[in-house]
Amino acid sequence: MRENFTLPNGVRVVLDRIEGVRSASVGIWLRCGSRCEARGEEGAAHFIEHMLFKGTDSLTSAGLAERMDSLGAEFNAYTSRDCTCFYFRSLDSSLAAAAELLGEMFMRSRFDERDMDTERGVITDEIRMYDDMPDDVANELLARGCFPGALGRPVLGTRESVARLSREALLDFRARHYVGGAAVVSAAGHLERPQLDGLLSALAGLPAAAPPEPERAEYTPFIAAERRATEQNQLLLAFPGIRYTSGRRCALALMNSILGGSASSRLYRRVRDELGLCYDLECFDMTWADAGLVGVGAATSAENEARAVEEICAMLRRFLDEGPSEAELERAKAQAESALVLALESSSARMRRLGQGELFLGGAEDIDALLARFAAVTRGEVLELARRCFDFSRLSCVALGEVRAPEEYARLRG
């Protein structure tokens, strides 16, 4: 059973009670990510995420960690370009205490300057860690190049920007963006509303204000070829995609599944199984509030890269001519239905779906209605979306490793 209500200060709450389980998952979602940062604030949203785990008015960092463990609860958080989420999963018997603790962390974190100095080093190591992952580097290059404004800035910030951020800068950013109109609480599992009273009472202290609107994103075609000492070349071929609120989200999911989402997909069978040009290959989409990307990612040897790119582009162009077959569409629909229904068995997955839906869509769609929308997608809709997205004159490409000259990749637009 689902329940929705709004606190007087604008915080939206959505609850999903599940019978037959002994756990619950709770999240605080904020319409506040790295794209909300002004120049000089790069990395602030992510830094604040870290600081909420470094102690409160009444608990040190160690005391906070011990309290979490004593409850047997799993607490975590993440920051993206569009949002920040703080969440936990616990037994139903610990839910009230864990929810109250989450509220204390969220509203009463102390932002101690000594803790900040320690966490600066932790975040810098996090940046270094991702710099050692070629696929993450390629994704960051793609986002930064295709959206050169606020949306494309790195979520973690840079080593230099993190070193500059002061306590006052973090608190100022928090005051502007941690407001009632930006916040959603989602909870799913074996729960009753009174168990969340401690959390909701804390969040009632958020200012009753709307968050500042972030800078609008505009897609720019982008080519980058960066030489690195890697065992494989990382490739990303990308095109303008869709936004969160698009009515074509179901068609996009099915299109990606047909092209490169499973072992029976076109690209997987041709490029991997028949030609043996790569091991890792998939279609991807990155979707934000006002923009998106869709494309193909692959990891292949330098020797096979040119042939792999040629085959990927040929398969995409062929898809633009003929679209999916009925058999491909039915397989993709079966996969989508399975993924949606299986996710209902996870309180964490249901909590995420509710929170993201409320934050970006004004409410998560009923699962039966969503299944019906997937079932209604036609071959013509998938083909029309493919022709809208895969405009090779607007192709973006990131190549990382023992790569060719950028001009070689730019020729793919012809």
Protein backbone atom coordinates (compact mmCIF):
# COMPACT_ATOMS: atom_id res chain seq x y z
CA MET A 1 0.00 0.00 0.00
CA ARG A 2 1.37 3.40 -1.01
CA GLU A 3 0.88 6.67 0.87
CA ASN A 4 1.89 10.18 -0.26
CA PHE A 5 1.84 13.41 1.71
CA THR A 6 3.74 16.69 1.96
CA LEU A 7 5.13 18.40 5.07
CA PRO A 8 4.26 22.08 5.62
CA ASN A 9 7.73 23.13 4.44
CA GLY A 10 7.38 21.32 1.10
CA VAL A 11 9.21 18.04 1.82
CA ARG A 12 7.41 15.30 -0.13
CA VAL A 13 7.01 11.88 1.47
CA VAL A 14 6.10 8.62 -0.25
CA LEU A 15 5.71 5.33 1.64
CA ASP A 16 5.30 1.84 0.24
CA ARG A 17 4.29 -0.85 2.75
CA ILE A 18 5.31 -4.40 1.82
CA GLU A 19 3.91 -7.40 3.63
CA GLY A 20 5.92 -10.58 4.14
CA VAL A 21 9.35 -8.95 4.59
CA ARG A 22 11.31 -8.03 7.72
CA SER A 23 13.30 -5.12 6.33
CA ALA A 24 12.76 -1.55 5.21
CA SER A 25 14.72 0.96 3.14
CA VAL A 26 14.52 4.72 3.63
CA GLY A 27 16.09 7.51 1.58
CA ILE A 28 16.30 11.29 1.62
CA TRP A 29 16.54 12.59 -1.94
CA LEU A 30 17.60 16.11 -2.84
CA ARG A 31 17.30 17.90 -6.18
CA CYS A 32 20.87 19.00 -5.63
CA GLY A 33 23.83 17.58 -7.52
CA SER A 34 27.09 18.75 -9.03
CA ARG A 35 25.29 20.70 -11.76
CA CYS A 36 23.96 23.03 -9.04
CA GLU A 37 27.46 24.23 -8.16
CA ALA A 38 28.63 27.68 -9.17
CA ARG A 39 32.15 28.39 -10.33
CA GLY A 40 34.44 27.94 -7.36
CA GLU A 41 32.08 25.43 -5.71
CA GLU A 42 33.06 22.39 -7.81
CA GLY A 43 32.80 19.28 -5.63
CA ALA A 44 30.71 20.96 -2.90
CA ALA A 45 27.66 18.67 -3.20
CA HIS A 46 29.82 15.55 -2.96
CA PHE A 47 31.93 16.99 -0.12
CA ILE A 48 28.77 17.66 1.90
CA GLU A 49 27.67 14.07 1.33
CA HIS A 50 30.91 12.92 2.96
CA MET A 51 30.63 15.36 5.86
CA LEU A 52 27.22 14.08 6.92
CA PHE A 53 28.98 10.87 7.99
CA LYS A 54 31.65 12.71 10.03
CA GLY A 55 29.70 13.39 13.19
CA THR A 56 26.81 15.42 14.58
CA ASP A 57 26.26 17.79 17.51
CA SER A 58 26.03 14.80 19.83
CA LEU A 59 28.00 12.05 18.07
CA THR A 60 31.59 11.93 16.89
CA SER A 61 32.43 10.23 13.60
CA ALA A 62 33.37 7.05 15.51
CA GLY A 63 30.25 7.29 17.65
CA LEU A 64 28.08 7.68 14.57
CA ALA A 65 29.64 4.60 12.95
CA GLU A 66 29.21 2.57 16.15
CA ARG A 67 25.57 3.63 16.40
CA MET A 68 24.91 2.51 12.81
CA ASP A 69 26.55 -0.87 13.48
CA SER A 70 24.69 -1.36 16.75
CA LEU A 71 21.43 -1.00 14.83
CA GLY A 72 22.57 -3.55 12.23
CA ALA A 73 21.68 -0.99 9.57
CA GLU A 74 23.43 -0.31 6.28
CA PHE A 75 23.84 3.46 5.76
CA ASN A 76 25.20 4.98 2.58
CA ALA A 77 24.90 7.93 0.20
CA TYR A 78 25.76 9.05 -3.30
CA THR A 79 25.97 12.24 -5.31
CA SER A 80 25.19 12.51 -9.01
CA ARG A 81 24.93 15.38 -11.45
CA ASP A 82 21.23 15.87 -10.73
CA CYS A 83 20.71 14.74 -7.14
CA THR A 84 22.08 13.57 -3.80
CA CYS A 85 20.66 10.65 -1.83
CA PHE A 86 21.22 9.55 1.78
CA TYR A 87 19.73 6.17 2.60
CA PHE A 88 19.73 3.11 4.83
CA ARG A 89 18.34 -0.41 4.98
CA SER A 90 17.50 -2.02 8.30
CA LEU A 91 15.39 -4.63 10.03
CA ASP A 92 11.88 -3.46 10.81
CA SER A 93 12.70 -3.66 14.54
CA SER A 94 15.47 -1.05 14.09
CA LEU A 95 13.63 1.17 11.63
CA ALA A 96 12.51 3.93 14.01
CA ALA A 97 15.96 4.32 15.58
CA ALA A 98 17.74 4.22 12.20
CA ALA A 99 15.35 6.79 10.73
CA GLU A 100 15.91 9.11 13.68
CA LEU A 101 19.67 8.73 13.25
CA LEU A 102 19.41 9.59 9.54
CA GLY A 103 17.49 12.75 10.49
CA GLU A 104 20.18 13.71 12.99
CA MET A 105 22.93 13.23 10.42
CA PHE A 106 21.03 15.24 7.83
CA MET A 107 20.09 18.19 10.02
CA ARG A 108 22.76 18.36 12.73
CA SER A 109 26.07 17.45 11.13
CA ARG A 110 28.82 19.54 12.67
CA PHE A 111 31.16 20.19 9.70
CA ASP A 112 34.21 20.22 11.95
CA GLU A 113 37.18 21.79 10.16
CA ARG A 114 39.56 19.05 11.32
CA ASP A 115 37.18 16.46 9.91
CA MET A 116 37.05 18.45 6.70
CA ASP A 117 40.83 18.37 6.37
CA THR A 118 40.80 14.61 6.86
CA GLU A 119 38.00 14.11 4.37
CA ARG A 120 39.76 16.28 1.80
CA GLY A 121 42.44 13.60 1.62
CA VAL A 122 39.82 10.85 1.35
CA ILE A 123 38.06 12.61 -1.55
CA THR A 124 41.38 13.27 -3.29
CA ASP A 125 42.13 9.55 -3.10
CA GLU A 126 38.65 8.87 -4.49
CA ILE A 127 39.44 11.14 -7.44
CA ARG A 128 42.73 9.29 -7.98
CA MET A 129 40.91 5.95 -7.84
CA TYR A 130 38.53 6.94 -10.63
CA ASP A 131 41.41 8.41 -12.63
CA ASP A 132 42.86 4.88 -12.67
CA MET A 133 39.65 3.45 -14.19
CA PRO A 134 39.65 3.99 -17.97
CA ASP A 135 35.90 3.46 -18.34
CA ASP A 136 35.15 6.13 -15.71
CA VAL A 137 37.63 8.53 -17.29
CA ALA A 138 35.97 8.01 -20.69
CA ASN A 139 32.50 8.65 -19.23
CA GLU A 140 33.68 11.87 -17.57
CA LEU A 141 35.33 13.06 -20.79
CA LEU A 142 32.12 12.39 -22.69
CA ALA A 143 29.86 14.26 -20.24
CA ARG A 144 32.27 17.18 -19.97
CA GLY A 145 32.67 17.48 -23.73
CA CYS A 146 29.02 17.06 -24.70
CA PHE A 147 27.78 19.40 -21.97
CA PRO A 148 30.53 21.99 -21.40
CA GLY A 149 28.49 23.92 -18.84
CA ALA A 150 27.52 22.99 -15.29
CA LEU A 151 26.13 19.55 -16.19
CA GLY A 152 29.49 18.40 -17.53
CA ARG A 153 31.57 19.30 -14.51
CA PRO A 154 32.96 16.33 -12.55
CA VAL A 155 30.76 15.19 -9.67
CA LEU A 156 33.76 14.79 -7.35
CA GLY A 157 35.23 18.14 -8.30
CA THR A 158 38.96 18.36 -8.97
CA ARG A 159 41.89 18.03 -6.61
CA GLU A 160 42.34 21.79 -6.81
CA SER A 161 38.68 22.68 -6.20
CA VAL A 162 38.39 20.25 -3.26
CA ALA A 163 41.52 21.74 -1.71
CA ARG A 164 39.97 25.24 -1.91
CA LEU A 165 36.53 24.49 -0.47
CA SER A 166 36.12 26.03 2.99
CA ARG A 167 33.65 25.26 5.77
CA GLU A 168 31.86 28.51 5.01
CA ALA A 169 31.54 27.58 1.32
CA LEU A 170 29.99 24.20 2.16
CA LEU A 171 27.57 25.68 4.68
CA ASP A 172 26.56 28.41 2.22
CA PHE A 173 25.92 25.83 -0.51
CA ARG A 174 23.95 23.71 1.94
CA ALA A 175 21.81 26.66 3.05
CA ARG A 176 20.85 27.41 -0.57
CA HIS A 177 20.09 23.87 -1.70
CA TYR A 178 19.03 21.87 1.37
CA VAL A 179 15.49 23.27 1.44
CA GLY A 180 12.04 21.75 1.75
CA GLY A 181 11.12 22.22 -1.90
CA ALA A 182 14.17 20.21 -3.00
CA ALA A 183 13.62 17.20 -0.72
CA VAL A 184 11.82 13.87 -0.99
CA VAL A 185 11.64 11.06 1.56
CA SER A 186 10.92 7.61 0.15
CA ALA A 187 10.50 4.47 2.23
CA ALA A 188 9.62 0.90 1.29
CA GLY A 189 9.33 -2.30 3.27
CA HIS A 190 7.74 -3.51 6.50
CA LEU A 191 6.98 -0.13 8.04
CA GLU A 192 4.38 2.07 9.67
CA ARG A 193 4.29 5.84 9.39
CA PRO A 194 4.95 6.49 13.13
CA GLN A 195 8.34 4.75 12.78
CA LEU A 196 9.44 7.69 10.62
CA ASP A 197 8.29 10.39 13.03
CA GLY A 198 11.82 11.12 14.26
CA LEU A 199 13.11 11.60 10.71
CA LEU A 200 10.14 13.69 9.56
CA SER A 201 10.29 15.89 12.66
CA ALA A 202 13.93 16.63 11.89
CA LEU A 203 13.23 17.41 8.23
CA ALA A 204 10.45 19.78 9.26
CA GLY A 205 13.31 22.10 10.20
CA LEU A 206 14.34 22.61 6.57
CA PRO A 207 13.49 26.08 5.22
CA ALA A 208 10.22 26.25 3.28
CA ALA A 209 11.81 27.36 0.01
CA ALA A 210 12.28 26.21 -3.56
CA PRO A 211 15.82 25.31 -4.71
CA PRO A 212 17.65 27.49 -7.26
CA GLU A 213 17.20 26.35 -10.86
CA PRO A 214 20.41 24.89 -12.32
CA GLU A 215 21.95 26.11 -15.56
CA ARG A 216 20.20 24.55 -18.56
CA ALA A 217 22.20 21.91 -20.44
CA GLU A 218 22.80 22.07 -24.19
CA TYR A 219 24.30 19.19 -26.18
CA THR A 220 27.47 19.88 -28.18
CA PRO A 221 28.95 17.23 -30.51
CA PHE A 222 32.38 16.29 -29.19
CA ILE A 223 35.40 14.23 -30.26
CA ALA A 224 38.25 13.26 -27.93
CA ALA A 225 41.12 10.82 -28.46
CA GLU A 226 43.35 10.54 -25.40
CA ARG A 227 46.44 8.35 -25.39
CA ARG A 228 46.92 6.28 -22.23
CA ALA A 229 48.92 3.20 -21.31
CA THR A 230 45.99 0.78 -21.08
CA GLU A 231 45.56 -2.86 -22.03
CA GLN A 232 42.41 -2.05 -24.02
CA ASN A 233 41.03 0.94 -25.83
CA GLN A 234 37.88 2.37 -24.27
CA LEU A 235 35.34 3.58 -26.83
CA LEU A 236 32.15 5.59 -26.39
CA LEU A 237 29.98 6.53 -29.38
CA ALA A 238 27.20 8.86 -28.25
CA PHE A 239 24.27 10.86 -29.59
CA PRO A 240 21.71 13.25 -28.03
CA GLY A 241 19.25 11.24 -25.94
CA ILE A 242 16.09 12.04 -24.00
CA ARG A 243 15.28 13.69 -20.68
CA TYR A 244 13.74 12.16 -17.55
CA THR A 245 10.27 13.43 -18.37
CA SER A 246 10.19 12.15 -21.95
CA GLY A 247 7.30 9.88 -22.85
CA ARG A 248 9.74 7.77 -24.85
CA ARG A 249 11.55 6.22 -21.89
CA CYS A 250 10.00 2.78 -22.50
CA ALA A 251 10.88 2.86 -26.19
CA LEU A 252 14.44 3.88 -25.32
CA ALA A 253 14.87 1.01 -22.87
CA LEU A 254 13.60 -1.47 -25.45
CA MET A 255 15.78 -0.01 -28.21
CA ASN A 256 18.90 -0.30 -26.06
CA SER A 257 18.01 -3.86 -25.12
CA ILE A 258 17.58 -4.87 -28.77
CA LEU A 259 20.80 -3.22 -29.90
CA GLY A 260 23.18 -4.02 -27.06
CA GLY A 261 21.50 -5.00 -23.81
CA SER A 262 21.84 -8.77 -23.71
CA ALA A 263 23.57 -11.80 -25.20
CA SER A 264 20.90 -11.97 -27.92
CA SER A 265 21.23 -8.29 -28.90
CA ARG A 266 22.40 -7.28 -32.36
CA LEU A 267 25.70 -5.69 -31.44
CA TYR A 268 26.64 -8.39 -28.94
CA ARG A 269 26.01 -11.20 -31.42
CA ARG A 270 27.80 -9.53 -34.33
CA VAL A 271 30.75 -7.71 -32.76
CA ARG A 272 31.45 -10.07 -29.86
CA ASP A 273 30.15 -13.52 -30.78
CA GLU A 274 30.63 -13.64 -34.56
CA LEU A 275 33.72 -11.45 -35.00
CA GLY A 276 35.37 -11.71 -31.57
CA LEU A 277 36.40 -8.05 -31.64
CA CYS A 278 35.75 -7.28 -27.96
CA TYR A 279 34.64 -8.72 -24.65
CA ASP A 280 32.83 -5.74 -23.13
CA LEU A 281 30.09 -4.16 -25.25
CA GLU A 282 26.79 -2.48 -24.35
CA CYS A 283 24.33 0.22 -25.26
CA PHE A 284 23.95 2.94 -22.64
CA ASP A 285 21.87 5.97 -21.88
CA MET A 286 22.56 8.86 -19.52
CA THR A 287 19.36 10.69 -18.64
CA TRP A 288 19.04 13.96 -16.75
CA ALA A 289 16.28 16.45 -16.02
CA ASP A 290 16.71 18.40 -19.25
CA ALA A 291 19.08 16.41 -21.45
CA GLY A 292 20.45 12.97 -22.18
CA LEU A 293 22.87 10.82 -24.10
CA VAL A 294 22.42 7.46 -25.80
CA GLY A 295 25.11 5.37 -27.40
CA VAL A 296 27.40 2.36 -27.45
CA GLY A 297 30.39 1.61 -25.25
CA ALA A 298 33.05 -1.00 -25.95
CA ALA A 299 36.49 -2.09 -24.77
CA THR A 300 38.72 -3.64 -27.40
CA SER A 301 42.35 -4.06 -28.37
CA ALA A 302 44.08 -1.33 -30.33
CA GLU A 303 44.43 -3.78 -33.24
CA ASN A 304 40.69 -4.47 -33.36
CA GLU A 305 39.45 -0.98 -32.60
CA ALA A 306 38.98 0.33 -36.16
CA ARG A 307 37.09 -2.80 -37.26
CA ALA A 308 34.94 -2.78 -34.11
CA VAL A 309 33.95 0.86 -34.65
CA GLU A 310 33.20 0.17 -38.29
CA GLU A 311 30.93 -2.75 -37.40
CA ILE A 312 29.14 -0.84 -34.62
CA CYS A 313 28.37 2.08 -36.94
CA ALA A 314 27.25 -0.27 -39.72
CA MET A 315 24.88 -2.06 -37.33
CA LEU A 316 23.41 1.24 -36.12
CA ARG A 317 22.89 2.46 -39.69
CA ARG A 318 21.24 -0.83 -40.61
CA PHE A 319 18.91 -0.48 -37.63
CA LEU A 320 17.92 2.97 -38.92
CA ASP A 321 16.85 1.37 -42.20
CA GLU A 322 14.84 -1.59 -40.91
CA GLY A 323 14.13 -1.13 -37.19
CA PRO A 324 13.58 -4.09 -34.88
CA SER A 325 11.90 -7.34 -35.78
CA GLU A 326 8.79 -8.44 -33.91
CA ALA A 327 10.78 -11.26 -32.29
CA GLU A 328 13.45 -8.80 -31.06
CA LEU A 329 10.81 -6.47 -29.67
CA GLU A 330 9.04 -9.29 -27.83
CA ARG A 331 12.31 -10.51 -26.28
CA ALA A 332 13.12 -6.98 -25.12
CA LYS A 333 9.65 -6.59 -23.61
CA ALA A 334 10.04 -9.88 -21.73
CA GLN A 335 13.36 -8.67 -20.30
CA ALA A 336 11.84 -5.34 -19.24
CA GLU A 337 8.87 -7.01 -17.57
CA SER A 338 11.13 -9.43 -15.71
CA ALA A 339 13.43 -6.65 -14.47
CA LEU A 340 10.52 -4.53 -13.24
CA VAL A 341 8.71 -7.35 -11.46
CA LEU A 342 11.84 -8.83 -9.87
CA ALA A 343 12.76 -5.38 -8.53
CA LEU A 344 9.50 -5.37 -6.57
CA GLU A 345 11.02 -8.03 -4.30
CA SER A 346 13.70 -5.59 -3.11
CA SER A 347 12.80 -2.85 -0.61
CA SER A 348 15.90 -0.93 -1.71
CA ALA A 349 14.91 -1.02 -5.38
CA ARG A 350 11.38 0.08 -4.55
CA MET A 351 12.66 2.91 -2.36
CA ARG A 352 14.94 4.13 -5.19
CA ARG A 353 12.17 3.95 -7.76
CA LEU A 354 9.78 5.91 -5.52
CA GLY A 355 12.37 8.55 -4.64
CA GLN A 356 13.60 9.16 -8.17
CA GLY A 357 10.06 9.15 -9.55
CA GLU A 358 8.85 11.70 -7.01
CA LEU A 359 11.94 13.87 -7.44
CA PHE A 360 12.02 14.04 -11.24
CA LEU A 361 8.60 12.94 -12.51
CA GLY A 362 6.25 14.19 -9.84
CA GLY A 363 5.50 10.64 -8.75
CA ALA A 364 6.53 7.08 -9.55
CA GLU A 365 4.24 5.42 -12.06
CA ASP A 366 2.18 2.44 -10.89
CA ILE A 367 3.99 -0.76 -11.88
CA ASP A 368 0.99 -2.18 -13.76
CA ALA A 369 0.62 1.04 -15.74
CA LEU A 370 4.34 0.98 -16.55
CA LEU A 371 4.16 -2.66 -17.68
CA ALA A 372 1.22 -1.71 -19.91
CA ARG A 373 3.24 1.12 -21.46
CA PHE A 374 6.11 -1.26 -22.25
CA ALA A 375 3.67 -3.75 -23.77
CA ALA A 376 2.16 -1.03 -25.97
CA VAL A 377 5.45 0.06 -27.61
CA THR A 378 5.47 -0.73 -31.33
CA ARG A 379 8.23 -1.42 -33.85
CA GLY A 380 7.43 1.91 -35.47
CA GLU A 381 7.95 3.82 -32.21
CA VAL A 382 11.35 2.20 -31.63
CA LEU A 383 12.42 2.93 -35.22
CA GLU A 384 11.23 6.54 -34.99
CA LEU A 385 13.20 7.04 -31.76
CA ALA A 386 16.31 5.47 -33.28
CA ARG A 387 16.12 7.82 -36.26
CA ARG A 388 15.68 10.77 -33.90
CA CYS A 389 18.65 9.79 -31.71
CA PHE A 390 21.22 8.28 -34.07
CA ASP A 391 21.95 11.37 -36.13
CA PHE A 392 25.52 10.70 -37.24
CA SER A 393 26.10 14.38 -38.06
CA ARG A 394 25.84 14.97 -34.27
CA LEU A 395 27.91 11.97 -33.22
CA SER A 396 30.24 12.33 -30.23
CA CYS A 397 33.13 9.96 -29.65
CA VAL A 398 35.61 9.38 -26.84
CA ALA A 399 38.52 7.01 -27.40
CA LEU A 400 41.01 6.22 -24.64
CA GLY A 401 44.17 4.11 -24.93
CA GLU A 402 46.40 3.47 -27.96
CA VAL A 403 44.10 5.57 -30.08
CA ARG A 404 44.14 7.09 -33.54
CA ALA A 405 44.09 10.80 -34.38
CA PRO A 406 40.85 12.66 -33.50
CA GLU A 407 40.25 13.27 -37.21
CA GLU A 408 39.83 9.53 -37.75
CA TYR A 409 36.91 9.43 -35.32
CA ALA A 410 35.39 12.64 -36.68
CA ARG A 411 35.08 10.91 -40.08
CA LEU A 412 32.42 8.67 -38.55
CA ARG A 413 30.02 11.60 -38.88
CA GLY A 414 30.08 11.32 -42.68
